[in-house]
Amino acid sequence: MSPWLSLFEFPPHPVSGVVLIVCALIWAIRSRRKRHPNLLASQVAVLVSAISQIALAFGQGDISLLSMLSAILQISLGQLFAFWVIALAIIRGVFAIRSRNDNAHIFTRNRKK
């Protein structure tokens, strides 16, 4: 594996990938405004990193508070950056799909006065 890919821990674990896709889609669909996708992606990256580390700790059978805390503290900045980039791509894709139909009824008004 390339040293650059190992720096970003790419490809992610399958559990992390599934959690990342689900959380990014939920955040993108539930957002009211289409502003600040960078902030939404950073929220998704931090949440996904924590959830996936806890899920992997449960999967290994080590279910103590100290082991879960140590798993969360072992998250690298490269992994957070990789999750941020993937989440940003998903969120911007959803925003692009949602913006196609925003101006469909721009000239209609409620005429029941």
C-alpha atoms as a PDB file:
ATOM      1  CA  MET A   1       0.000   0.000   0.000  1.00  0.00           C
ATOM      2  CA  SER A   2       1.171   3.502  -0.746  1.00  0.00           C
ATOM      3  CA  PRO A   3       2.455   5.494   2.251  1.00  0.00           C
ATOM      4  CA  TRP A   4       0.048   8.315   1.320  1.00  0.00           C
ATOM      5  CA  LEU A   5      -2.936   5.994   1.437  1.00  0.00           C
ATOM      6  CA  SER A   6      -1.839   4.542   4.757  1.00  0.00           C
ATOM      7  CA  LEU A   7      -1.501   8.091   6.128  1.00  0.00           C
ATOM      8  CA  PHE A   8      -5.186   8.703   5.415  1.00  0.00           C
ATOM      9  CA  GLU A   9      -6.123   5.128   6.361  1.00  0.00           C
ATOM     10  CA  PHE A  10      -7.671   4.611   2.955  1.00  0.00           C
ATOM     11  CA  PRO A  11      -9.673   2.522   2.121  1.00  0.00           C
ATOM     12  CA  PRO A  12     -11.725   2.745   5.301  1.00  0.00           C
ATOM     13  CA  HIS A  13     -13.054  -0.259   7.169  1.00  0.00           C
ATOM     14  CA  PRO A  14     -16.406  -1.449   5.707  1.00  0.00           C
ATOM     15  CA  VAL A  15     -18.212  -0.495   8.932  1.00  0.00           C
ATOM     16  CA  SER A  16     -16.775   3.007   8.699  1.00  0.00           C
ATOM     17  CA  GLY A  17     -17.730   3.268   5.039  1.00  0.00           C
ATOM     18  CA  VAL A  18     -21.344   2.290   5.634  1.00  0.00           C
ATOM     19  CA  VAL A  19     -21.680   4.633   8.615  1.00  0.00           C
ATOM     20  CA  LEU A  20     -20.079   7.431   6.577  1.00  0.00           C
ATOM     21  CA  ILE A  21     -22.447   7.065   3.638  1.00  0.00           C
ATOM     22  CA  VAL A  22     -25.545   6.813   5.844  1.00  0.00           C
ATOM     23  CA  CYS A  23     -24.626   9.792   8.047  1.00  0.00           C
ATOM     24  CA  ALA A  24     -23.619  11.976   5.091  1.00  0.00           C
ATOM     25  CA  LEU A  25     -26.893  11.249   3.315  1.00  0.00           C
ATOM     26  CA  ILE A  26     -28.921  11.948   6.450  1.00  0.00           C
ATOM     27  CA  TRP A  27     -27.089  15.228   7.111  1.00  0.00           C
ATOM     28  CA  ALA A  28     -27.443  16.360   3.496  1.00  0.00           C
ATOM     29  CA  ILE A  29     -31.117  15.483   3.184  1.00  0.00           C
ATOM     30  CA  ARG A  30     -32.102  16.914   6.564  1.00  0.00           C
ATOM     31  CA  SER A  31     -30.286  20.238   6.126  1.00  0.00           C
ATOM     32  CA  ARG A  32     -32.631  23.142   5.506  1.00  0.00           C
ATOM     33  CA  ARG A  33     -30.193  25.415   3.748  1.00  0.00           C
ATOM     34  CA  LYS A  34     -27.598  24.565   1.202  1.00  0.00           C
ATOM     35  CA  ARG A  35     -24.960  26.739   2.791  1.00  0.00           C
ATOM     36  CA  HIS A  36     -21.778  25.663   4.522  1.00  0.00           C
ATOM     37  CA  PRO A  37     -21.361  22.105   3.249  1.00  0.00           C
ATOM     38  CA  ASN A  38     -17.844  22.182   4.732  1.00  0.00           C
ATOM     39  CA  LEU A  39     -19.243  22.469   8.243  1.00  0.00           C
ATOM     40  CA  LEU A  40     -21.763  19.697   7.626  1.00  0.00           C
ATOM     41  CA  ALA A  41     -18.986  17.470   6.293  1.00  0.00           C
ATOM     42  CA  SER A  42     -16.805  18.150   9.341  1.00  0.00           C
ATOM     43  CA  GLN A  43     -19.675  17.231  11.665  1.00  0.00           C
ATOM     44  CA  VAL A  44     -20.217  14.014   9.730  1.00  0.00           C
ATOM     45  CA  ALA A  45     -16.486  13.177   9.798  1.00  0.00           C
ATOM     46  CA  VAL A  46     -16.191  13.552  13.566  1.00  0.00           C
ATOM     47  CA  LEU A  47     -19.414  11.651  14.252  1.00  0.00           C
ATOM     48  CA  VAL A  48     -18.561   8.827  11.867  1.00  0.00           C
ATOM     49  CA  SER A  49     -15.069   8.462  13.309  1.00  0.00           C
ATOM     50  CA  ALA A  50     -16.435   8.127  16.832  1.00  0.00           C
ATOM     51  CA  ILE A  51     -19.287   5.777  15.904  1.00  0.00           C
ATOM     52  CA  SER A  52     -17.105   3.524  13.779  1.00  0.00           C
ATOM     53  CA  GLN A  53     -14.413   3.242  16.456  1.00  0.00           C
ATOM     54  CA  ILE A  54     -17.021   2.342  19.076  1.00  0.00           C
ATOM     55  CA  ALA A  55     -18.603  -0.211  16.715  1.00  0.00           C
ATOM     56  CA  LEU A  56     -15.216  -1.767  15.993  1.00  0.00           C
ATOM     57  CA  ALA A  57     -14.472  -1.952  19.736  1.00  0.00           C
ATOM     58  CA  PHE A  58     -17.794  -3.757  20.262  1.00  0.00           C
ATOM     59  CA  GLY A  59     -16.945  -6.070  17.376  1.00  0.00           C
ATOM     60  CA  GLN A  60     -13.660  -7.065  18.973  1.00  0.00           C
ATOM     61  CA  GLY A  61     -15.480  -8.004  22.165  1.00  0.00           C
ATOM     62  CA  ASP A  62     -13.718  -5.422  24.310  1.00  0.00           C
ATOM     63  CA  ILE A  63     -16.643  -3.598  25.899  1.00  0.00           C
ATOM     64  CA  SER A  64     -15.238  -1.405  28.616  1.00  0.00           C
ATOM     65  CA  LEU A  65     -15.433   2.341  28.926  1.00  0.00           C
ATOM     66  CA  LEU A  66     -11.665   2.672  28.935  1.00  0.00           C
ATOM     67  CA  SER A  67     -11.265   0.623  25.756  1.00  0.00           C
ATOM     68  CA  MET A  68     -13.916   2.654  23.935  1.00  0.00           C
ATOM     69  CA  LEU A  69     -12.316   5.905  25.068  1.00  0.00           C
ATOM     70  CA  SER A  70      -8.885   4.732  23.930  1.00  0.00           C
ATOM     71  CA  ALA A  71     -10.371   3.678  20.563  1.00  0.00           C
ATOM     72  CA  ILE A  72     -11.867   7.147  20.091  1.00  0.00           C
ATOM     73  CA  LEU A  73      -8.593   8.826  21.030  1.00  0.00           C
ATOM     74  CA  GLN A  74      -6.702   6.783  18.437  1.00  0.00           C
ATOM     75  CA  ILE A  75      -8.476   8.518  15.544  1.00  0.00           C
ATOM     76  CA  SER A  76      -5.873  10.145  13.315  1.00  0.00           C
ATOM     77  CA  LEU A  77      -6.129  13.513  11.602  1.00  0.00           C
ATOM     78  CA  GLY A  78      -5.574  11.797   8.268  1.00  0.00           C
ATOM     79  CA  GLN A  79      -8.598   9.596   8.829  1.00  0.00           C
ATOM     80  CA  LEU A  80     -10.700  12.625   9.789  1.00  0.00           C
ATOM     81  CA  PHE A  81      -9.539  14.421   6.646  1.00  0.00           C
ATOM     82  CA  ALA A  82     -10.376  11.427   4.432  1.00  0.00           C
ATOM     83  CA  PHE A  83     -13.837  11.148   6.000  1.00  0.00           C
ATOM     84  CA  TRP A  84     -14.327  14.902   5.550  1.00  0.00           C
ATOM     85  CA  VAL A  85     -13.487  14.714   1.836  1.00  0.00           C
ATOM     86  CA  ILE A  86     -15.811  11.768   1.221  1.00  0.00           C
ATOM     87  CA  ALA A  87     -18.646  13.343   3.222  1.00  0.00           C
ATOM     88  CA  LEU A  88     -18.171  16.651   1.394  1.00  0.00           C
ATOM     89  CA  ALA A  89     -18.481  14.906  -1.967  1.00  0.00           C
ATOM     90  CA  ILE A  90     -21.672  13.135  -0.889  1.00  0.00           C
ATOM     91  CA  ILE A  91     -23.225  16.284   0.619  1.00  0.00           C
ATOM     92  CA  ARG A  92     -22.428  18.433  -2.425  1.00  0.00           C
ATOM     93  CA  GLY A  93     -23.862  15.746  -4.681  1.00  0.00           C
ATOM     94  CA  VAL A  94     -27.118  15.720  -2.730  1.00  0.00           C
ATOM     95  CA  PHE A  95     -27.215  19.532  -2.775  1.00  0.00           C
ATOM     96  CA  ALA A  96     -26.717  19.521  -6.555  1.00  0.00           C
ATOM     97  CA  ILE A  97     -29.596  17.092  -7.015  1.00  0.00           C
ATOM     98  CA  ARG A  98     -31.843  19.085  -4.674  1.00  0.00           C
ATOM     99  CA  SER A  99     -31.093  22.405  -6.370  1.00  0.00           C
ATOM    100  CA  ARG A 100     -32.309  21.216  -9.764  1.00  0.00           C
ATOM    101  CA  ASN A 101     -35.973  21.611  -8.751  1.00  0.00           C
ATOM    102  CA  ASP A 102     -35.727  24.679  -6.520  1.00  0.00           C
ATOM    103  CA  ASN A 103     -36.703  27.244  -9.139  1.00  0.00           C
ATOM    104  CA  ALA A 104     -39.505  25.243 -10.752  1.00  0.00           C
ATOM    105  CA  HIS A 105     -42.298  27.347  -9.207  1.00  0.00           C
ATOM    106  CA  ILE A 106     -40.598  30.704  -8.904  1.00  0.00           C
ATOM    107  CA  PHE A 107     -43.343  32.730 -10.617  1.00  0.00           C
ATOM    108  CA  THR A 108     -46.366  31.139  -8.953  1.00  0.00           C
ATOM    109  CA  ARG A 109     -48.173  32.948  -6.181  1.00  0.00           C
ATOM    110  CA  ASN A 110     -50.952  32.157  -3.828  1.00  0.00           C
ATOM    111  CA  ARG A 111     -53.876  34.003  -5.437  1.00  0.00           C
ATOM    112  CA  LYS A 112     -56.439  33.225  -2.712  1.00  0.00           C
ATOM    113  CA  LYS A 113     -56.738  36.628  -1.089  1.00  0.00           C
END
